[in-house]
N, C-alpha and C. Protein backbone atom coordinates (compact mmCIF):
# COMPACT_ATOMS: atom_id res chain seq x y z
N UNK A 1 -15.09 -13.71 -53.21
CA UNK A 1 -16.07 -12.68 -52.41
C UNK A 1 -16.87 -13.58 -50.96
N UNK A 2 -17.57 -14.39 -51.67
CA UNK A 2 -18.60 -15.00 -50.92
C UNK A 2 -17.63 -15.93 -49.95
N UNK A 3 -16.73 -16.62 -50.71
CA UNK A 3 -15.89 -17.86 -49.59
C UNK A 3 -15.02 -17.16 -48.44
N UNK A 4 -14.48 -15.49 -48.77
CA UNK A 4 -13.82 -14.78 -47.58
C UNK A 4 -14.70 -14.29 -46.61
N UNK A 5 -16.05 -14.01 -47.22
CA UNK A 5 -17.12 -13.62 -46.18
C UNK A 5 -17.48 -14.88 -45.26
N UNK A 6 -17.55 -15.96 -45.93
CA UNK A 6 -17.80 -16.89 -45.08
C UNK A 6 -16.56 -17.90 -44.29
N UNK A 7 -15.54 -17.12 -44.29
CA UNK A 7 -14.14 -17.47 -43.74
C UNK A 7 -13.58 -18.90 -44.32
N UNK A 8 -13.57 -19.25 -45.41
CA UNK A 8 -13.03 -20.26 -45.99
C UNK A 8 -11.84 -20.29 -46.88
N UNK A 9 -10.59 -20.88 -46.52
CA UNK A 9 -9.55 -20.98 -46.87
C UNK A 9 -9.77 -20.95 -48.51
N UNK A 10 -8.92 -19.83 -49.54
CA UNK A 10 -8.93 -19.65 -51.02
C UNK A 10 -7.76 -19.76 -51.30
N UNK A 11 -7.31 -21.29 -51.60
CA UNK A 11 -5.85 -21.60 -52.32
C UNK A 11 -5.71 -20.06 -53.52
N UNK A 12 -4.25 -20.24 -54.09
CA UNK A 12 -3.97 -19.74 -55.12
C UNK A 12 -4.91 -20.25 -56.05
N UNK A 13 -4.37 -21.33 -56.22
CA UNK A 13 -4.81 -22.24 -57.32
C UNK A 13 -6.39 -22.01 -57.92
N UNK A 14 -6.97 -21.94 -56.46
CA UNK A 14 -8.49 -21.69 -56.74
C UNK A 14 -9.11 -20.48 -56.77
N UNK A 15 -8.51 -19.15 -56.30
CA UNK A 15 -8.41 -17.77 -56.93
C UNK A 15 -8.45 -17.52 -58.13
N UNK A 16 -6.92 -18.26 -58.59
CA UNK A 16 -6.66 -18.26 -60.05
C UNK A 16 -7.67 -18.88 -61.17
N UNK A 17 -8.35 -19.94 -60.61
CA UNK A 17 -9.20 -20.62 -61.63
C UNK A 17 -10.54 -19.71 -61.57
N UNK A 18 -10.81 -19.14 -60.42
CA UNK A 18 -11.98 -18.43 -60.28
C UNK A 18 -11.86 -16.93 -61.38
N UNK A 19 -10.62 -16.47 -61.41
CA UNK A 19 -10.26 -15.20 -61.84
C UNK A 19 -10.21 -15.31 -63.30
N UNK A 20 -9.39 -16.40 -63.79
CA UNK A 20 -9.21 -17.12 -65.16
C UNK A 20 -10.85 -17.48 -65.99
N UNK A 21 -11.73 -17.35 -65.27
CA UNK A 21 -12.88 -17.95 -65.71
C UNK A 21 -13.54 -16.92 -66.54
N UNK A 22 -14.04 -16.84 -67.93
CA UNK A 22 -14.63 -15.78 -68.52
C UNK A 22 -16.40 -16.00 -68.96
N UNK A 23 -17.00 -17.62 -68.45
CA UNK A 23 -17.86 -17.90 -68.39
C UNK A 23 -18.97 -17.25 -67.43
N UNK A 24 -19.92 -16.28 -67.64
CA UNK A 24 -20.59 -15.78 -66.52
C UNK A 24 -21.97 -16.88 -66.13
N UNK A 25 -22.11 -17.71 -66.69
CA UNK A 25 -22.80 -18.95 -66.58
C UNK A 25 -22.17 -19.83 -65.50
N UNK A 26 -21.02 -20.24 -65.94
CA UNK A 26 -20.11 -20.67 -64.66
C UNK A 26 -19.97 -20.17 -63.64
N UNK A 27 -19.49 -18.94 -63.74
CA UNK A 27 -19.18 -18.09 -62.55
C UNK A 27 -20.66 -18.07 -61.75
N UNK A 28 -21.74 -17.81 -62.17
CA UNK A 28 -22.96 -18.12 -61.14
C UNK A 28 -23.05 -19.18 -60.81
N UNK A 29 -22.68 -20.18 -61.39
CA UNK A 29 -22.95 -21.84 -60.94
C UNK A 29 -22.37 -21.91 -59.68
N UNK A 30 -20.68 -21.32 -59.77
CA UNK A 30 -19.83 -21.33 -58.67
C UNK A 30 -20.40 -20.39 -57.41
N UNK A 31 -20.79 -19.31 -57.68
CA UNK A 31 -21.49 -18.55 -56.88
C UNK A 31 -22.69 -18.82 -55.76
N UNK A 32 -23.45 -19.71 -56.68
CA UNK A 32 -24.28 -20.42 -55.74
C UNK A 32 -23.56 -21.40 -54.88
N UNK A 33 -22.80 -22.08 -55.47
CA UNK A 33 -22.29 -23.24 -54.47
C UNK A 33 -21.75 -22.71 -53.39
N UNK A 34 -20.85 -21.44 -53.93
CA UNK A 34 -19.97 -20.78 -52.61
C UNK A 34 -20.74 -20.76 -51.59
N UNK A 35 -22.14 -20.18 -51.45
CA UNK A 35 -23.13 -19.90 -50.57
C UNK A 35 -23.24 -21.22 -49.55
N UNK A 36 -22.84 -22.22 -50.12
CA UNK A 36 -23.21 -23.45 -49.15
C UNK A 36 -22.18 -24.48 -49.07
N UNK A 37 -20.74 -24.45 -49.67
CA UNK A 37 -19.77 -25.28 -50.03
C UNK A 37 -19.09 -25.27 -48.89
N UNK A 38 -18.56 -26.62 -48.05
CA UNK A 38 -17.58 -26.77 -47.38
C UNK A 38 -16.43 -26.42 -47.12
N UNK A 39 -15.90 -26.09 -48.48
CA UNK A 39 -14.72 -25.65 -48.78
C UNK A 39 -14.64 -25.11 -50.09
N UNK A 40 -13.68 -24.05 -49.96
CA UNK A 40 -13.39 -23.67 -51.45
C UNK A 40 -13.59 -24.58 -52.63
N UNK A 41 -13.19 -25.58 -52.65
CA UNK A 41 -12.36 -26.69 -53.73
C UNK A 41 -13.96 -27.19 -53.90
N UNK A 42 -14.66 -27.33 -53.08
CA UNK A 42 -16.47 -27.66 -53.38
C UNK A 42 -17.10 -26.95 -54.21
N UNK A 43 -16.58 -25.89 -54.55
CA UNK A 43 -17.72 -25.16 -55.53
C UNK A 43 -17.27 -25.80 -56.89
N UNK A 44 -16.25 -26.40 -57.38
CA UNK A 44 -15.83 -27.05 -58.48
C UNK A 44 -16.23 -28.72 -58.82
N UNK A 45 -16.82 -29.10 -57.67
CA UNK A 45 -17.36 -30.25 -57.77
C UNK A 45 -18.89 -30.58 -58.30
N UNK A 46 -19.31 -31.08 -59.13
CA UNK A 46 -20.77 -31.58 -59.41
C UNK A 46 -21.11 -32.66 -58.97
């Protein structure tokens, strides 16, 4: 939702990866990164 609100393209692969994740810790980490990421793929980079 954050990525969409920022008008960043979310590919089917990215959407599936997020939806399939069951780790609250990982999702929290991605959420924080989504706030400043230049692209949807950037949320997964460390």
